[in-house]
Amino acid sequence: QLRIRSKGGDMCDGTLKEYTIGTIKPGNWHRVV
């Protein structure tokens, strides 16, 4: 899986969220924006 996070606010106790983008196939080219 390709995953991404957002984090910010207080740099020592930031607001963190994580999300799944999609499925990766090793050996294939993928593109992400």
PDB file of all heavy atoms in Angstrom:
ATOM      1  N   GLN A   1       0.821  -1.205   0.000  1.00  0.00           N
ATOM      2  CA  GLN A   1       0.000   0.000   0.000  1.00  0.00           C
ATOM      3  C   GLN A   1       0.859   1.260   0.000  1.00  0.00           C
ATOM      4  O   GLN A   1       1.906   1.312   0.655  1.00  0.00           O
ATOM      5  CB  GLN A   1      -0.912   0.018   1.229  1.00  0.00           C
ATOM      6  CG  GLN A   1      -1.904  -1.134   1.273  1.00  0.00           C
ATOM      7  CD  GLN A   1      -2.889  -1.089   0.115  1.00  0.00           C
ATOM      8  OE1 GLN A   1      -3.659  -0.139  -0.019  1.00  0.00           O
ATOM      9  NE2 GLN A   1      -2.859  -2.123  -0.726  1.00  0.00           N
ATOM     10  N   LEU A   2       0.392   2.267  -0.749  1.00  0.00           N
ATOM     11  CA  LEU A   2       0.987   3.597  -0.691  1.00  0.00           C
ATOM     12  C   LEU A   2       0.166   4.413   0.297  1.00  0.00           C
ATOM     13  O   LEU A   2      -1.053   4.525   0.174  1.00  0.00           O
ATOM     14  CB  LEU A   2       0.961   4.263  -2.063  1.00  0.00           C
ATOM     15  CG  LEU A   2       1.632   5.646  -2.141  1.00  0.00           C
ATOM     16  CD1 LEU A   2       3.122   5.542  -1.828  1.00  0.00           C
ATOM     17  CD2 LEU A   2       1.412   6.280  -3.514  1.00  0.00           C
ATOM     18  N   ARG A   3       0.853   4.996   1.306  1.00  0.00           N
ATOM     19  CA  ARG A   3       0.165   5.727   2.360  1.00  0.00           C
ATOM     20  C   ARG A   3       0.764   7.126   2.499  1.00  0.00           C
ATOM     21  O   ARG A   3       1.885   7.397   2.034  1.00  0.00           O
ATOM     22  CB  ARG A   3       0.238   4.972   3.685  1.00  0.00           C
ATOM     23  CG  ARG A   3      -0.267   3.515   3.588  1.00  0.00           C
ATOM     24  CD  ARG A   3      -0.619   2.950   4.926  1.00  0.00           C
ATOM     25  NE  ARG A   3      -1.795   3.608   5.468  1.00  0.00           N
ATOM     26  CZ  ARG A   3      -2.031   3.799   6.767  1.00  0.00           C
ATOM     27  NH1 ARG A   3      -1.138   3.430   7.673  1.00  0.00           N
ATOM     28  NH2 ARG A   3      -3.128   4.389   7.178  1.00  0.00           N
ATOM     29  N   ILE A   4       0.006   8.019   3.136  1.00  0.00           N
ATOM     30  CA  ILE A   4       0.432   9.405   3.303  1.00  0.00           C
ATOM     31  C   ILE A   4      -0.059   9.910   4.655  1.00  0.00           C
ATOM     32  O   ILE A   4      -1.078   9.439   5.165  1.00  0.00           O
ATOM     33  CB  ILE A   4      -0.119  10.292   2.149  1.00  0.00           C
ATOM     34  CG1 ILE A   4       0.499  11.695   2.165  1.00  0.00           C
ATOM     35  CG2 ILE A   4      -1.647  10.363   2.193  1.00  0.00           C
ATOM     36  CD1 ILE A   4       0.125  12.528   0.949  1.00  0.00           C
ATOM     37  N   ARG A   5       0.665  10.857   5.215  1.00  0.00           N
ATOM     38  CA  ARG A   5       0.227  11.468   6.464  1.00  0.00           C
ATOM     39  C   ARG A   5       0.147  12.972   6.301  1.00  0.00           C
ATOM     40  O   ARG A   5       0.849  13.580   5.477  1.00  0.00           O
ATOM     41  CB  ARG A   5       1.181  11.135   7.603  1.00  0.00           C
ATOM     42  CG  ARG A   5       2.416  12.022   7.642  1.00  0.00           C
ATOM     43  CD  ARG A   5       3.268  11.776   8.858  1.00  0.00           C
ATOM     44  NE  ARG A   5       4.193  12.884   9.108  1.00  0.00           N
ATOM     45  CZ  ARG A   5       5.113  12.890  10.057  1.00  0.00           C
ATOM     46  NH1 ARG A   5       5.260  11.845  10.857  1.00  0.00           N
ATOM     47  NH2 ARG A   5       5.892  13.945  10.233  1.00  0.00           N
ATOM     48  N   SER A   6      -0.690  13.585   7.126  1.00  0.00           N
ATOM     49  CA  SER A   6      -0.664  15.029   7.343  1.00  0.00           C
ATOM     50  C   SER A   6      -0.274  15.246   8.793  1.00  0.00           C
ATOM     51  O   SER A   6      -0.715  14.515   9.682  1.00  0.00           O
ATOM     52  CB  SER A   6      -2.023  15.673   7.041  1.00  0.00           C
ATOM     53  OG  SER A   6      -3.037  15.123   7.878  1.00  0.00           O
ATOM     54  N   LYS A   7       0.576  16.248   9.039  1.00  0.00           N
ATOM     55  CA  LYS A   7       0.974  16.541  10.407  1.00  0.00           C
ATOM     56  C   LYS A   7       1.327  18.011  10.515  1.00  0.00           C
ATOM     57  O   LYS A   7       1.958  18.582   9.620  1.00  0.00           O
ATOM     58  CB  LYS A   7       2.163  15.687  10.843  1.00  0.00           C
ATOM     59  CG  LYS A   7       2.473  15.813  12.338  1.00  0.00           C
ATOM     60  CD  LYS A   7       3.573  14.863  12.788  1.00  0.00           C
ATOM     61  CE  LYS A   7       3.786  14.971  14.300  1.00  0.00           C
ATOM     62  NZ  LYS A   7       4.867  14.081  14.784  1.00  0.00           N
ATOM     63  N   GLY A   8       0.953  18.641  11.639  1.00  0.00           N
ATOM     64  CA  GLY A   8       1.273  20.048  11.815  1.00  0.00           C
ATOM     65  C   GLY A   8       0.696  20.593  13.108  1.00  0.00           C
ATOM     66  O   GLY A   8       0.306  19.865  14.001  1.00  0.00           O
ATOM     67  N   GLY A   9       0.660  21.931  13.158  1.00  0.00           N
ATOM     68  CA  GLY A   9       0.247  22.614  14.376  1.00  0.00           C
ATOM     69  C   GLY A   9       1.431  22.771  15.297  1.00  0.00           C
ATOM     70  O   GLY A   9       2.451  23.374  14.932  1.00  0.00           O
ATOM     71  N   ASP A  10       1.336  22.222  16.489  1.00  0.00           N
ATOM     72  CA  ASP A  10       2.434  22.217  17.450  1.00  0.00           C
ATOM     73  C   ASP A  10       3.496  21.231  16.984  1.00  0.00           C
ATOM     74  O   ASP A  10       3.231  20.031  16.850  1.00  0.00           O
ATOM     75  CB  ASP A  10       1.892  21.810  18.817  1.00  0.00           C
ATOM     76  CG  ASP A  10       2.950  21.862  19.920  1.00  0.00           C
ATOM     77  OD1 ASP A  10       4.150  21.721  19.612  1.00  0.00           O
ATOM     78  OD2 ASP A  10       2.581  22.031  21.092  1.00  0.00           O
ATOM     79  N   MET A  11       4.720  21.708  16.730  1.00  0.00           N
ATOM     80  CA  MET A  11       5.733  20.833  16.141  1.00  0.00           C
ATOM     81  C   MET A  11       6.210  19.742  17.088  1.00  0.00           C
ATOM     82  O   MET A  11       6.805  18.752  16.647  1.00  0.00           O
ATOM     83  CB  MET A  11       6.918  21.649  15.648  1.00  0.00           C
ATOM     84  CG  MET A  11       7.695  22.373  16.710  1.00  0.00           C
ATOM     85  SD  MET A  11       8.895  23.503  15.961  1.00  0.00           S
ATOM     86  CE  MET A  11       7.814  24.640  15.096  1.00  0.00           C
ATOM     87  N   CYS A  12       5.991  19.900  18.378  1.00  0.00           N
ATOM     88  CA  CYS A  12       6.407  18.878  19.347  1.00  0.00           C
ATOM     89  C   CYS A  12       5.254  17.971  19.782  1.00  0.00           C
ATOM     90  O   CYS A  12       5.485  16.961  20.446  1.00  0.00           O
ATOM     91  CB  CYS A  12       7.049  19.542  20.560  1.00  0.00           C
ATOM     92  SG  CYS A  12       8.562  20.454  20.152  1.00  0.00           S
ATOM     93  N   ASP A  13       4.051  18.328  19.433  1.00  0.00           N
ATOM     94  CA  ASP A  13       2.872  17.518  19.749  1.00  0.00           C
ATOM     95  C   ASP A  13       1.844  17.757  18.651  1.00  0.00           C
ATOM     96  O   ASP A  13       0.725  18.215  18.911  1.00  0.00           O
ATOM     97  CB  ASP A  13       2.317  17.872  21.124  1.00  0.00           C
ATOM     98  CG  ASP A  13       1.194  16.944  21.570  1.00  0.00           C
ATOM     99  OD1 ASP A  13       1.131  15.815  21.047  1.00  0.00           O
ATOM    100  OD2 ASP A  13       0.383  17.359  22.416  1.00  0.00           O
ATOM    101  N   GLY A  14       2.249  17.448  17.415  1.00  0.00           N
ATOM    102  CA  GLY A  14       1.454  17.821  16.256  1.00  0.00           C
ATOM    103  C   GLY A  14       0.207  16.979  16.065  1.00  0.00           C
ATOM    104  O   GLY A  14       0.079  15.867  16.592  1.00  0.00           O
ATOM    105  N   THR A  15      -0.718  17.533  15.295  1.00  0.00           N
ATOM    106  CA  THR A  15      -1.921  16.812  14.890  1.00  0.00           C
ATOM    107  C   THR A  15      -1.564  15.905  13.725  1.00  0.00           C
ATOM    108  O   THR A  15      -1.121  16.380  12.676  1.00  0.00           O
ATOM    109  CB  THR A  15      -3.028  17.786  14.470  1.00  0.00           C
ATOM    110  OG1 THR A  15      -3.346  18.651  15.569  1.00  0.00           O
ATOM    111  CG2 THR A  15      -4.280  17.042  14.030  1.00  0.00           C
ATOM    112  N   LEU A  16      -1.744  14.617  13.895  1.00  0.00           N
ATOM    113  CA  LEU A  16      -1.315  13.614  12.920  1.00  0.00           C
ATOM    114  C   LEU A  16      -2.510  12.821  12.406  1.00  0.00           C
ATOM    115  O   LEU A  16      -3.325  12.338  13.194  1.00  0.00           O
ATOM    116  CB  LEU A  16      -0.305  12.656  13.559  1.00  0.00           C
ATOM    117  CG  LEU A  16       0.098  11.419  12.742  1.00  0.00           C
ATOM    118  CD1 LEU A  16       0.869  11.827  11.500  1.00  0.00           C
ATOM    119  CD2 LEU A  16       0.913  10.457  13.597  1.00  0.00           C
ATOM    120  N   LYS A  17      -2.591  12.700  11.079  1.00  0.00           N
ATOM    121  CA  LYS A  17      -3.574  11.823  10.453  1.00  0.00           C
ATOM    122  C   LYS A  17      -2.889  11.037   9.338  1.00  0.00           C
ATOM    123  O   LYS A  17      -2.004  11.555   8.662  1.00  0.00           O
ATOM    124  CB  LYS A  17      -4.760  12.621   9.900  1.00  0.00           C
ATOM    125  CG  LYS A  17      -5.591  13.308  10.975  1.00  0.00           C
ATOM    126  CD  LYS A  17      -6.819  13.989  10.394  1.00  0.00           C
ATOM    127  CE  LYS A  17      -7.655  14.627  11.496  1.00  0.00           C
ATOM    128  NZ  LYS A  17      -8.890  15.276  10.961  1.00  0.00           N
ATOM    129  N   GLU A  18      -3.326   9.789   9.162  1.00  0.00           N
ATOM    130  CA  GLU A  18      -2.737   8.924   8.141  1.00  0.00           C
ATOM    131  C   GLU A  18      -3.831   8.409   7.215  1.00  0.00           C
ATOM    132  O   GLU A  18      -4.958   8.137   7.653  1.00  0.00           O
ATOM    133  CB  GLU A  18      -1.998   7.752   8.795  1.00  0.00           C
ATOM    134  CG  GLU A  18      -0.820   8.189   9.645  1.00  0.00           C
ATOM    135  CD  GLU A  18      -0.067   7.010  10.248  1.00  0.00           C
ATOM    136  OE1 GLU A  18      -0.546   5.852  10.112  1.00  0.00           O
ATOM    137  OE2 GLU A  18       0.996   7.236  10.856  1.00  0.00           O
ATOM    138  N   TYR A  19      -3.479   8.254   5.926  1.00  0.00           N
ATOM    139  CA  TYR A  19      -4.444   7.852   4.917  1.00  0.00           C
ATOM    140  C   TYR A  19      -3.801   6.846   3.956  1.00  0.00           C
ATOM    141  O   TYR A  19      -2.601   6.874   3.718  1.00  0.00           O
ATOM    142  CB  TYR A  19      -4.918   9.058   4.099  1.00  0.00           C
ATOM    143  CG  TYR A  19      -5.254  10.284   4.904  1.00  0.00           C
ATOM    144  CD1 TYR A  19      -4.333  11.321   5.036  1.00  0.00           C
ATOM    145  CD2 TYR A  19      -6.486  10.416   5.541  1.00  0.00           C
ATOM    146  CE1 TYR A  19      -4.627  12.453   5.775  1.00  0.00           C
ATOM    147  CE2 TYR A  19      -6.789  11.548   6.285  1.00  0.00           C
ATOM    148  CZ  TYR A  19      -5.851  12.564   6.396  1.00  0.00           C
ATOM    149  OH  TYR A  19      -6.142  13.689   7.134  1.00  0.00           O
ATOM    150  N   THR A  20      -4.638   5.992   3.391  1.00  0.00           N
ATOM    151  CA  THR A  20      -4.192   5.052   2.365  1.00  0.00           C
ATOM    152  C   THR A  20      -4.550   5.601   0.989  1.00  0.00           C
ATOM    153  O   THR A  20      -5.674   6.049   0.756  1.00  0.00           O
ATOM    154  CB  THR A  20      -4.838   3.673   2.568  1.00  0.00           C
ATOM    155  OG1 THR A  20      -4.416   3.140   3.827  1.00  0.00           O
ATOM    156  CG2 THR A  20      -4.427   2.713   1.463  1.00  0.00           C
ATOM    157  N   ILE A  21      -3.568   5.558   0.071  1.00  0.00           N
ATOM    158  CA  ILE A  21      -3.761   6.081  -1.283  1.00  0.00           C
ATOM    159  C   ILE A  21      -4.170   4.986  -2.251  1.00  0.00           C
ATOM    160  O   ILE A  21      -5.121   5.137  -3.017  1.00  0.00           O
ATOM    161  CB  ILE A  21      -2.477   6.779  -1.772  1.00  0.00           C
ATOM    162  CG1 ILE A  21      -2.181   8.013  -0.907  1.00  0.00           C
ATOM    163  CG2 ILE A  21      -2.603   7.168  -3.239  1.00  0.00           C
ATOM    164  CD1 ILE A  21      -0.849   8.659  -1.204  1.00  0.00           C
ATOM    165  N   GLY A  22      -3.428   3.871  -2.267  1.00  0.00           N
ATOM    166  CA  GLY A  22      -3.746   2.811  -3.217  1.00  0.00           C
ATOM    167  C   GLY A  22      -2.756   1.670  -3.154  1.00  0.00           C
ATOM    168  O   GLY A  22      -1.808   1.683  -2.371  1.00  0.00           O
ATOM    169  N   THR A  23      -2.973   0.678  -4.024  1.00  0.00           N
ATOM    170  CA  THR A  23      -2.169  -0.540  -4.047  1.00  0.00           C
ATOM    171  C   THR A  23      -1.034  -0.419  -5.054  1.00  0.00           C
ATOM    172  O   THR A  23      -1.237   0.014  -6.196  1.00  0.00           O
ATOM    173  CB  THR A  23      -3.037  -1.754  -4.394  1.00  0.00           C
ATOM    174  OG1 THR A  23      -4.074  -1.885  -3.413  1.00  0.00           O
ATOM    175  CG2 THR A  23      -2.222  -3.035  -4.430  1.00  0.00           C
ATOM    176  N   ILE A  24       0.162  -0.823  -4.617  1.00  0.00           N
ATOM    177  CA  ILE A  24       1.364  -0.764  -5.435  1.00  0.00           C
ATOM    178  C   ILE A  24       1.699  -2.168  -5.932  1.00  0.00           C
ATOM    179  O   ILE A  24       1.601  -3.142  -5.176  1.00  0.00           O
ATOM    180  CB  ILE A  24       2.562  -0.235  -4.622  1.00  0.00           C
ATOM    181  CG1 ILE A  24       2.242   1.137  -4.025  1.00  0.00           C
ATOM    182  CG2 ILE A  24       3.821  -0.170  -5.472  1.00  0.00           C
ATOM    183  CD1 ILE A  24       3.219   1.566  -2.955  1.00  0.00           C
ATOM    184  N   LYS A  25       2.142  -2.265  -7.175  1.00  0.00           N
ATOM    185  CA  LYS A  25       2.630  -3.530  -7.720  1.00  0.00           C
ATOM    186  C   LYS A  25       4.124  -3.396  -7.977  1.00  0.00           C
ATOM    187  O   LYS A  25       4.538  -2.653  -8.866  1.00  0.00           O
ATOM    188  CB  LYS A  25       1.903  -3.897  -9.015  1.00  0.00           C
ATOM    189  CG  LYS A  25       2.306  -5.265  -9.549  1.00  0.00           C
ATOM    190  CD  LYS A  25       1.503  -5.657 -10.763  1.00  0.00           C
ATOM    191  CE  LYS A  25       1.931  -7.042 -11.266  1.00  0.00           C
ATOM    192  NZ  LYS A  25       1.143  -7.471 -12.453  1.00  0.00           N
ATOM    193  N   PRO A  26       4.967  -4.082  -7.194  1.00  0.00           N
ATOM    194  CA  PRO A  26       6.415  -4.008  -7.430  1.00  0.00           C
ATOM    195  C   PRO A  26       6.753  -4.381  -8.867  1.00  0.00           C
ATOM    196  O   PRO A  26       6.186  -5.315  -9.447  1.00  0.00           O
ATOM    197  CB  PRO A  26       6.980  -5.031  -6.439  1.00  0.00           C
ATOM    198  CG  PRO A  26       5.983  -5.055  -5.321  1.00  0.00           C
ATOM    199  CD  PRO A  26       4.649  -4.907  -6.008  1.00  0.00           C
ATOM    200  N   GLY A  27       7.694  -3.625  -9.438  1.00  0.00           N
ATOM    201  CA  GLY A  27       8.086  -3.828 -10.827  1.00  0.00           C
ATOM    202  C   GLY A  27       7.332  -2.966 -11.807  1.00  0.00           C
ATOM    203  O   GLY A  27       7.773  -2.793 -12.952  1.00  0.00           O
ATOM    204  N   ASN A  28       6.180  -2.414 -11.397  1.00  0.00           N
ATOM    205  CA  ASN A  28       5.405  -1.516 -12.249  1.00  0.00           C
ATOM    206  C   ASN A  28       5.736  -0.061 -11.916  1.00  0.00           C
ATOM    207  O   ASN A  28       5.975   0.274 -10.754  1.00  0.00           O
ATOM    208  CB  ASN A  28       3.905  -1.724 -12.059  1.00  0.00           C
ATOM    209  CG  ASN A  28       3.394  -2.948 -12.771  1.00  0.00           C
ATOM    210  OD1 ASN A  28       4.173  -3.797 -13.219  1.00  0.00           O
ATOM    211  ND2 ASN A  28       2.083  -3.078 -12.862  1.00  0.00           N
ATOM    212  N   TRP A  29       5.684   0.799 -12.915  1.00  0.00           N
ATOM    213  CA  TRP A  29       5.771   2.231 -12.665  1.00  0.00           C
ATOM    214  C   TRP A  29       4.415   2.748 -12.211  1.00  0.00           C
ATOM    215  O   TRP A  29       3.376   2.395 -12.785  1.00  0.00           O
ATOM    216  CB  TRP A  29       6.201   2.979 -13.922  1.00  0.00           C
ATOM    217  CG  TRP A  29       7.685   2.946 -14.160  1.00  0.00           C
ATOM    218  CD1 TRP A  29       8.363   2.115 -15.000  1.00  0.00           C
ATOM    219  CD2 TRP A  29       8.665   3.781 -13.538  1.00  0.00           C
ATOM    220  NE1 TRP A  29       9.707   2.377 -14.942  1.00  0.00           N
ATOM    221  CE2 TRP A  29       9.927   3.393 -14.060  1.00  0.00           C
ATOM    222  CE3 TRP A  29       8.605   4.812 -12.602  1.00  0.00           C
ATOM    223  CZ2 TRP A  29      11.115   4.011 -13.673  1.00  0.00           C
ATOM    224  CZ3 TRP A  29       9.783   5.427 -12.208  1.00  0.00           C
ATOM    225  CH2 TRP A  29      11.017   5.032 -12.729  1.00  0.00           C
ATOM    226  N   HIS A  30       4.424   3.562 -11.160  1.00  0.00           N
ATOM    227  CA  HIS A  30       3.229   4.248 -10.680  1.00  0.00           C
ATOM    228  C   HIS A  30       3.491   5.750 -10.682  1.00  0.00           C
ATOM    229  O   HIS A  30       4.642   6.183 -10.594  1.00  0.00           O
ATOM    230  CB  HIS A  30       2.883   3.800  -9.252  1.00  0.00           C
ATOM    231  CG  HIS A  30       2.504   2.364  -9.142  1.00  0.00           C
ATOM    232  ND1 HIS A  30       1.250   1.894  -9.481  1.00  0.00           N
ATOM    233  CD2 HIS A  30       3.211   1.276  -8.730  1.00  0.00           C
ATOM    234  CE1 HIS A  30       1.195   0.586  -9.274  1.00  0.00           C
ATOM    235  NE2 HIS A  30       2.376   0.188  -8.818  1.00  0.00           N
ATOM    236  N   ARG A  31       2.429   6.510 -10.749  1.00  0.00           N
ATOM    237  CA  ARG A  31       2.581   7.964 -10.670  1.00  0.00           C
ATOM    238  C   ARG A  31       1.613   8.511  -9.626  1.00  0.00           C
ATOM    239  O   ARG A  31       0.500   8.001  -9.464  1.00  0.00           O
ATOM    240  CB  ARG A  31       2.395   8.629 -12.033  1.00  0.00           C
ATOM    241  CG  ARG A  31       1.045   8.455 -12.679  1.00  0.00           C
ATOM    242  CD  ARG A  31       1.102   8.938 -14.142  1.00  0.00           C
ATOM    243  NE  ARG A  31      -0.202   9.237 -14.677  1.00  0.00           N
ATOM    244  CZ  ARG A  31      -0.988   8.342 -15.260  1.00  0.00           C
ATOM    245  NH1 ARG A  31      -0.613   7.086 -15.373  1.00  0.00           N
ATOM    246  NH2 ARG A  31      -2.170   8.721 -15.735  1.00  0.00           N
ATOM    247  N   VAL A  32       2.069   9.553  -8.920  1.00  0.00           N
ATOM    248  CA  VAL A  32       1.276  10.122  -7.831  1.00  0.00           C
ATOM    249  C   VAL A  32       1.393  11.633  -7.872  1.00  0.00           C
ATOM    250  O   VAL A  32       2.468  12.174  -8.170  1.00  0.00           O
ATOM    251  CB  VAL A  32       1.730   9.554  -6.468  1.00  0.00           C
ATOM    252  CG1 VAL A  32       3.180   9.879  -6.181  1.00  0.00           C
ATOM    253  CG2 VAL A  32       0.831  10.030  -5.343  1.00  0.00           C
ATOM    254  N   VAL A  33       0.291  12.317  -7.606  1.00  0.00           N
ATOM    255  CA  VAL A  33       0.262  13.780  -7.529  1.00  0.00           C
ATOM    256  C   VAL A  33      -0.461  14.168  -6.242  1.00  0.00           C
ATOM    257  O   VAL A  33      -1.560  13.666  -5.961  1.00  0.00           O
ATOM    258  CB  VAL A  33      -0.460  14.417  -8.729  1.00  0.00           C
ATOM    259  CG1 VAL A  33      -0.552  15.936  -8.554  1.00  0.00           C
ATOM    260  CG2 VAL A  33       0.261  14.083 -10.030  1.00  0.00           C
TER     261      VAL A  33
END
